[in-house]
Amino acid sequence: MTDPTPPAAAAAPTFFDQVGGHDTFARLVHAFYQGVAGDPVLRALYPEEDLGPAERRLRMFLEQYWGGPTTYSQERGHPRLRMRHNPYAVTIDQRDRWLRHMMAAVDTLDLDEAHDHALRDYLERAAFMLVNTPD
């Protein structure tokens, strides 16, 4: 008798897979944090001298969100994006700076139009959702 369960390899590729997997998200997040490093307003939000740990956390979060490895949840628990940012004042100016650096990082990926649009749409909605303090 044959097993009716299709092999995992036959599963539809995720967004994560379609855009190039880990390497794509590593490039995206690295380019983003290069922008943050040169932005005194955003850089001040990161108490760590080295942005590497923040870069790793964001990369793992985005990889998981887009269908990649679940390392973020395994190491840090449920993402709870809004709850994790709630203790910090997130202003409209900070949102706009974050988006400027993130969209510039997306520009470096050369994604096809549909993937580019989906990624930008998510990032913009997430950034707007996290604002919790007026300027």
N, C-alpha and C. Protein backbone atom coordinates (compact mmCIF):
# COMPACT_ATOMS: atom_id res chain seq x y z
N MET A 1 0.85 -1.18 0.00
CA MET A 1 0.00 0.00 0.00
C MET A 1 0.89 1.24 0.00
N THR A 2 0.55 2.22 -0.81
CA THR A 2 1.35 3.43 -0.88
C THR A 2 0.81 4.48 0.08
N ASP A 3 1.70 5.33 0.53
CA ASP A 3 1.34 6.41 1.46
C ASP A 3 0.68 7.52 0.65
N PRO A 4 -0.57 7.91 0.99
CA PRO A 4 -1.26 8.96 0.22
C PRO A 4 -0.74 10.36 0.52
N THR A 5 0.12 10.51 1.51
CA THR A 5 0.65 11.83 1.87
C THR A 5 1.72 12.23 0.86
N PRO A 6 1.55 13.38 0.23
CA PRO A 6 2.56 13.81 -0.74
C PRO A 6 3.86 14.17 -0.02
N PRO A 7 4.99 13.98 -0.67
CA PRO A 7 6.26 14.34 -0.04
C PRO A 7 6.33 15.84 0.23
N ALA A 8 7.07 16.21 1.26
CA ALA A 8 7.18 17.63 1.64
C ALA A 8 7.71 18.46 0.49
N ALA A 9 8.57 17.89 -0.33
CA ALA A 9 9.15 18.64 -1.44
C ALA A 9 8.08 19.08 -2.43
N ALA A 10 6.92 18.40 -2.43
CA ALA A 10 5.86 18.75 -3.36
C ALA A 10 5.03 19.93 -2.86
N ALA A 11 5.23 20.33 -1.63
CA ALA A 11 4.49 21.46 -1.08
C ALA A 11 4.79 22.72 -1.88
N ALA A 12 3.81 23.58 -1.97
CA ALA A 12 3.99 24.83 -2.71
C ALA A 12 5.08 25.67 -2.04
N PRO A 13 5.93 26.27 -2.83
CA PRO A 13 6.97 27.11 -2.22
C PRO A 13 6.37 28.33 -1.53
N THR A 14 6.96 28.72 -0.43
CA THR A 14 6.50 29.89 0.31
C THR A 14 7.10 31.16 -0.31
N PHE A 15 6.60 32.29 0.12
CA PHE A 15 7.18 33.58 -0.28
C PHE A 15 8.67 33.57 0.02
N PHE A 16 9.02 33.08 1.21
CA PHE A 16 10.42 32.98 1.62
C PHE A 16 11.23 32.24 0.55
N ASP A 17 10.74 31.09 0.11
CA ASP A 17 11.44 30.31 -0.91
C ASP A 17 11.47 31.04 -2.25
N GLN A 18 10.35 31.63 -2.62
CA GLN A 18 10.22 32.26 -3.93
C GLN A 18 11.17 33.45 -4.12
N VAL A 19 11.49 34.15 -3.04
CA VAL A 19 12.35 35.33 -3.17
C VAL A 19 13.82 35.05 -2.93
N GLY A 20 14.16 33.79 -2.64
CA GLY A 20 15.57 33.46 -2.48
C GLY A 20 15.97 33.03 -1.09
N GLY A 21 15.00 32.88 -0.19
CA GLY A 21 15.27 32.34 1.14
C GLY A 21 16.15 33.20 2.03
N HIS A 22 16.92 32.52 2.85
CA HIS A 22 17.74 33.17 3.88
C HIS A 22 18.63 34.28 3.30
N ASP A 23 19.28 34.02 2.18
CA ASP A 23 20.21 35.01 1.63
C ASP A 23 19.51 36.33 1.32
N THR A 24 18.29 36.26 0.80
CA THR A 24 17.55 37.48 0.47
C THR A 24 17.20 38.26 1.74
N PHE A 25 16.72 37.56 2.75
CA PHE A 25 16.35 38.26 3.98
C PHE A 25 17.58 38.78 4.72
N ALA A 26 18.68 38.06 4.66
CA ALA A 26 19.92 38.54 5.27
C ALA A 26 20.38 39.82 4.58
N ARG A 27 20.30 39.87 3.25
CA ARG A 27 20.69 41.09 2.52
C ARG A 27 19.77 42.25 2.86
N LEU A 28 18.46 41.97 2.90
CA LEU A 28 17.47 43.00 3.22
C LEU A 28 17.75 43.63 4.58
N VAL A 29 17.88 42.80 5.58
CA VAL A 29 18.02 43.30 6.95
C VAL A 29 19.39 43.95 7.15
N HIS A 30 20.42 43.42 6.53
CA HIS A 30 21.74 44.04 6.64
C HIS A 30 21.73 45.44 6.02
N ALA A 31 21.14 45.57 4.84
CA ALA A 31 21.05 46.89 4.19
C ALA A 31 20.24 47.85 5.05
N PHE A 32 19.16 47.36 5.66
CA PHE A 32 18.34 48.20 6.53
C PHE A 32 19.17 48.72 7.71
N TYR A 33 19.90 47.84 8.38
CA TYR A 33 20.66 48.27 9.55
C TYR A 33 21.87 49.14 9.18
N GLN A 34 22.34 49.06 7.96
CA GLN A 34 23.35 50.02 7.52
C GLN A 34 22.75 51.42 7.51
N GLY A 35 21.50 51.53 7.07
CA GLY A 35 20.80 52.81 7.11
C GLY A 35 20.57 53.29 8.53
N VAL A 36 20.14 52.39 9.40
CA VAL A 36 19.90 52.74 10.80
C VAL A 36 21.19 53.23 11.46
N ALA A 37 22.31 52.57 11.16
CA ALA A 37 23.59 52.95 11.77
C ALA A 37 23.95 54.40 11.46
N GLY A 38 23.53 54.90 10.31
CA GLY A 38 23.83 56.27 9.92
C GLY A 38 22.73 57.27 10.23
N ASP A 39 21.71 56.85 10.95
CA ASP A 39 20.58 57.71 11.28
C ASP A 39 20.58 57.93 12.80
N PRO A 40 21.06 59.09 13.27
CA PRO A 40 21.18 59.29 14.72
C PRO A 40 19.88 59.11 15.50
N VAL A 41 18.75 59.47 14.91
CA VAL A 41 17.47 59.34 15.61
C VAL A 41 17.12 57.87 15.84
N LEU A 42 17.24 57.05 14.80
CA LEU A 42 16.93 55.63 14.96
C LEU A 42 18.03 54.90 15.72
N ARG A 43 19.27 55.26 15.46
CA ARG A 43 20.39 54.57 16.14
C ARG A 43 20.28 54.69 17.65
N ALA A 44 19.75 55.83 18.11
CA ALA A 44 19.60 56.06 19.56
C ALA A 44 18.62 55.08 20.20
N LEU A 45 17.78 54.44 19.41
CA LEU A 45 16.81 53.50 19.95
C LEU A 45 17.42 52.14 20.29
N TYR A 46 18.64 51.92 19.84
CA TYR A 46 19.30 50.63 20.04
C TYR A 46 20.41 50.81 21.07
N PRO A 47 20.20 50.32 22.29
CA PRO A 47 21.20 50.52 23.33
C PRO A 47 22.48 49.73 23.10
N GLU A 48 22.40 48.65 22.34
CA GLU A 48 23.58 47.82 22.10
C GLU A 48 24.55 48.54 21.17
N GLU A 49 25.80 48.47 21.49
CA GLU A 49 26.83 49.06 20.64
C GLU A 49 26.82 48.41 19.27
N ASP A 50 26.67 47.10 19.27
CA ASP A 50 26.68 46.30 18.05
C ASP A 50 25.23 46.08 17.61
N LEU A 51 24.90 46.45 16.39
CA LEU A 51 23.55 46.24 15.88
C LEU A 51 23.31 44.80 15.45
N GLY A 52 24.34 43.96 15.50
CA GLY A 52 24.23 42.58 15.06
C GLY A 52 23.09 41.80 15.69
N PRO A 53 22.92 41.85 17.02
CA PRO A 53 21.81 41.11 17.63
C PRO A 53 20.44 41.59 17.15
N ALA A 54 20.27 42.90 16.99
CA ALA A 54 19.00 43.42 16.48
C ALA A 54 18.79 42.97 15.04
N GLU A 55 19.86 42.98 14.26
CA GLU A 55 19.79 42.54 12.87
C GLU A 55 19.35 41.07 12.81
N ARG A 56 19.92 40.25 13.65
CA ARG A 56 19.57 38.83 13.67
C ARG A 56 18.11 38.62 14.05
N ARG A 57 17.63 39.35 15.07
CA ARG A 57 16.23 39.20 15.51
C ARG A 57 15.26 39.58 14.40
N LEU A 58 15.51 40.72 13.73
CA LEU A 58 14.62 41.16 12.67
C LEU A 58 14.66 40.17 11.50
N ARG A 59 15.83 39.69 11.15
CA ARG A 59 15.94 38.72 10.06
C ARG A 59 15.14 37.46 10.38
N MET A 60 15.32 36.94 11.60
CA MET A 60 14.59 35.73 11.98
C MET A 60 13.08 35.97 11.96
N PHE A 61 12.65 37.12 12.45
CA PHE A 61 11.23 37.44 12.46
C PHE A 61 10.68 37.46 11.04
N LEU A 62 11.35 38.20 10.14
CA LEU A 62 10.86 38.30 8.77
C LEU A 62 10.89 36.95 8.05
N GLU A 63 11.94 36.18 8.27
CA GLU A 63 12.01 34.86 7.65
C GLU A 63 10.82 34.00 8.09
N GLN A 64 10.53 34.01 9.37
CA GLN A 64 9.41 33.22 9.88
C GLN A 64 8.10 33.73 9.34
N TYR A 65 7.90 35.04 9.34
CA TYR A 65 6.65 35.62 8.87
C TYR A 65 6.36 35.20 7.44
N TRP A 66 7.40 35.16 6.62
CA TRP A 66 7.24 34.89 5.19
C TRP A 66 7.37 33.40 4.85
N GLY A 67 7.32 32.52 5.83
CA GLY A 67 7.26 31.10 5.55
C GLY A 67 8.57 30.35 5.66
N GLY A 68 9.58 30.99 6.23
CA GLY A 68 10.86 30.34 6.41
C GLY A 68 10.95 29.64 7.76
N PRO A 69 12.15 29.42 8.23
CA PRO A 69 12.35 28.71 9.50
C PRO A 69 11.65 29.41 10.66
N THR A 70 11.27 28.64 11.65
CA THR A 70 10.57 29.18 12.82
C THR A 70 11.53 29.45 13.97
N THR A 71 12.75 29.77 13.64
CA THR A 71 13.78 30.01 14.65
C THR A 71 13.39 31.14 15.59
N TYR A 72 12.75 32.18 15.08
CA TYR A 72 12.36 33.30 15.94
C TYR A 72 11.50 32.80 17.10
N SER A 73 10.44 32.08 16.79
CA SER A 73 9.54 31.60 17.84
C SER A 73 10.22 30.59 18.75
N GLN A 74 11.08 29.78 18.19
CA GLN A 74 11.78 28.79 19.00
C GLN A 74 12.68 29.47 20.04
N GLU A 75 13.29 30.57 19.65
CA GLU A 75 14.21 31.26 20.56
C GLU A 75 13.54 32.33 21.42
N ARG A 76 12.52 32.98 20.89
CA ARG A 76 11.97 34.16 21.57
C ARG A 76 10.49 34.05 21.90
N GLY A 77 9.83 32.98 21.50
CA GLY A 77 8.40 32.85 21.73
C GLY A 77 7.61 33.52 20.61
N HIS A 78 6.32 33.64 20.84
CA HIS A 78 5.42 34.24 19.84
C HIS A 78 5.90 35.66 19.53
N PRO A 79 5.86 36.05 18.26
CA PRO A 79 6.36 37.39 17.90
C PRO A 79 5.67 38.55 18.62
N ARG A 80 4.36 38.53 18.73
CA ARG A 80 3.63 39.61 19.42
C ARG A 80 4.24 40.98 19.10
N LEU A 81 4.25 41.29 17.85
CA LEU A 81 4.95 42.47 17.35
C LEU A 81 4.55 43.75 18.09
N ARG A 82 3.27 44.00 18.19
CA ARG A 82 2.82 45.23 18.85
C ARG A 82 3.19 45.23 20.33
N MET A 83 3.00 44.11 21.00
CA MET A 83 3.31 44.04 22.43
C MET A 83 4.81 44.26 22.68
N ARG A 84 5.65 43.70 21.83
CA ARG A 84 7.09 43.84 22.03
C ARG A 84 7.55 45.29 21.84
N HIS A 85 6.83 46.05 21.02
CA HIS A 85 7.21 47.45 20.78
C HIS A 85 6.49 48.43 21.69
N ASN A 86 5.44 47.98 22.36
CA ASN A 86 4.64 48.88 23.19
C ASN A 86 5.42 49.60 24.29
N PRO A 87 6.42 48.98 24.92
CA PRO A 87 7.15 49.70 25.97
C PRO A 87 7.97 50.88 25.44
N TYR A 88 8.14 50.96 24.14
CA TYR A 88 8.97 52.01 23.54
C TYR A 88 8.07 53.02 22.85
N ALA A 89 8.42 54.29 22.99
CA ALA A 89 7.69 55.33 22.27
C ALA A 89 8.07 55.23 20.81
N VAL A 90 7.07 54.98 19.96
CA VAL A 90 7.29 54.91 18.51
C VAL A 90 6.51 56.06 17.90
N THR A 91 7.25 57.05 17.40
CA THR A 91 6.64 58.25 16.86
C THR A 91 6.46 58.16 15.34
N ILE A 92 5.71 59.09 14.81
CA ILE A 92 5.51 59.17 13.36
C ILE A 92 6.85 59.42 12.66
N ASP A 93 7.67 60.29 13.23
CA ASP A 93 8.99 60.54 12.64
C ASP A 93 9.84 59.28 12.62
N GLN A 94 9.83 58.54 13.71
CA GLN A 94 10.60 57.28 13.75
C GLN A 94 10.06 56.29 12.74
N ARG A 95 8.74 56.19 12.64
CA ARG A 95 8.13 55.31 11.64
C ARG A 95 8.60 55.67 10.24
N ASP A 96 8.55 56.98 9.93
CA ASP A 96 8.94 57.42 8.60
C ASP A 96 10.42 57.16 8.31
N ARG A 97 11.26 57.34 9.31
CA ARG A 97 12.69 57.05 9.14
C ARG A 97 12.89 55.55 8.93
N TRP A 98 12.20 54.74 9.75
CA TRP A 98 12.30 53.29 9.63
C TRP A 98 11.89 52.87 8.23
N LEU A 99 10.76 53.40 7.77
CA LEU A 99 10.28 53.05 6.43
C LEU A 99 11.26 53.50 5.35
N ARG A 100 11.84 54.67 5.48
CA ARG A 100 12.79 55.17 4.48
C ARG A 100 13.97 54.20 4.34
N HIS A 101 14.52 53.77 5.47
CA HIS A 101 15.65 52.84 5.42
C HIS A 101 15.23 51.45 4.94
N MET A 102 14.05 51.02 5.37
CA MET A 102 13.60 49.68 4.97
C MET A 102 13.26 49.65 3.48
N MET A 103 12.61 50.68 2.97
CA MET A 103 12.28 50.69 1.54
C MET A 103 13.54 50.80 0.68
N ALA A 104 14.53 51.53 1.16
CA ALA A 104 15.82 51.58 0.45
C ALA A 104 16.46 50.20 0.45
N ALA A 105 16.32 49.47 1.54
CA ALA A 105 16.86 48.11 1.60
C ALA A 105 16.11 47.19 0.64
N VAL A 106 14.79 47.33 0.55
CA VAL A 106 14.00 46.53 -0.39
C VAL A 106 14.47 46.82 -1.82
N ASP A 107 14.79 48.08 -2.09
CA ASP A 107 15.27 48.45 -3.43
C ASP A 107 16.49 47.65 -3.84
N THR A 108 17.30 47.21 -2.89
CA THR A 108 18.53 46.48 -3.22
C THR A 108 18.27 45.03 -3.64
N LEU A 109 17.05 44.55 -3.46
CA LEU A 109 16.77 43.13 -3.69
C LEU A 109 16.43 42.77 -5.13
N ASP A 110 15.94 43.71 -5.90
CA ASP A 110 15.57 43.45 -7.29
C ASP A 110 14.56 42.30 -7.38
N LEU A 111 13.48 42.40 -6.59
CA LEU A 111 12.42 41.39 -6.61
C LEU A 111 11.50 41.63 -7.80
N ASP A 112 10.79 40.59 -8.20
CA ASP A 112 9.78 40.81 -9.24
C ASP A 112 8.67 41.67 -8.65
N GLU A 113 7.84 42.22 -9.52
CA GLU A 113 6.86 43.22 -9.11
C GLU A 113 5.89 42.72 -8.03
N ALA A 114 5.39 41.51 -8.17
CA ALA A 114 4.41 41.00 -7.20
C ALA A 114 5.04 40.80 -5.82
N HIS A 115 6.22 40.23 -5.77
CA HIS A 115 6.89 40.03 -4.48
C HIS A 115 7.30 41.36 -3.86
N ASP A 116 7.80 42.26 -4.68
CA ASP A 116 8.18 43.59 -4.20
C ASP A 116 6.98 44.29 -3.58
N HIS A 117 5.86 44.26 -4.27
CA HIS A 117 4.66 44.92 -3.77
C HIS A 117 4.18 44.29 -2.46
N ALA A 118 4.17 42.97 -2.39
CA ALA A 118 3.71 42.28 -1.17
C ALA A 118 4.60 42.63 0.02
N LEU A 119 5.91 42.63 -0.20
CA LEU A 119 6.83 42.93 0.89
C LEU A 119 6.68 44.37 1.36
N ARG A 120 6.64 45.30 0.41
CA ARG A 120 6.48 46.72 0.77
C ARG A 120 5.16 46.96 1.49
N ASP A 121 4.10 46.34 1.01
CA ASP A 121 2.79 46.52 1.63
C ASP A 121 2.81 46.06 3.08
N TYR A 122 3.36 44.88 3.33
CA TYR A 122 3.44 44.38 4.70
C TYR A 122 4.27 45.32 5.59
N LEU A 123 5.44 45.71 5.12
CA LEU A 123 6.33 46.55 5.92
C LEU A 123 5.68 47.89 6.25
N GLU A 124 4.97 48.46 5.28
CA GLU A 124 4.31 49.73 5.54
C GLU A 124 3.18 49.57 6.55
N ARG A 125 2.36 48.54 6.39
CA ARG A 125 1.27 48.32 7.35
C ARG A 125 1.81 48.07 8.75
N ALA A 126 2.87 47.28 8.86
CA ALA A 126 3.45 46.99 10.18
C ALA A 126 3.99 48.26 10.82
N ALA A 127 4.69 49.08 10.04
CA ALA A 127 5.26 50.31 10.57
C ALA A 127 4.17 51.25 11.07
N PHE A 128 3.09 51.38 10.32
CA PHE A 128 2.00 52.27 10.72
C PHE A 128 1.32 51.73 11.99
N MET A 129 1.20 50.42 12.10
CA MET A 129 0.54 49.80 13.25
C MET A 129 1.32 50.05 14.55
N LEU A 130 2.63 50.18 14.46
CA LEU A 130 3.44 50.27 15.67
C LEU A 130 3.55 51.67 16.26
N VAL A 131 3.10 52.68 15.53
CA VAL A 131 3.14 54.04 16.08
C VAL A 131 2.23 54.09 17.31
N ASN A 132 2.78 54.57 18.43
CA ASN A 132 2.01 54.62 19.67
C ASN A 132 2.17 55.94 20.42
N THR A 133 2.90 56.88 19.83
CA THR A 133 3.18 58.15 20.49
C THR A 133 3.15 59.27 19.45
N PRO A 134 2.44 60.36 19.72
CA PRO A 134 2.51 61.48 18.78
C PRO A 134 3.90 62.12 18.80
N ASP A 135 4.25 62.77 17.73
CA ASP A 135 5.56 63.45 17.69
C ASP A 135 5.65 64.53 18.75
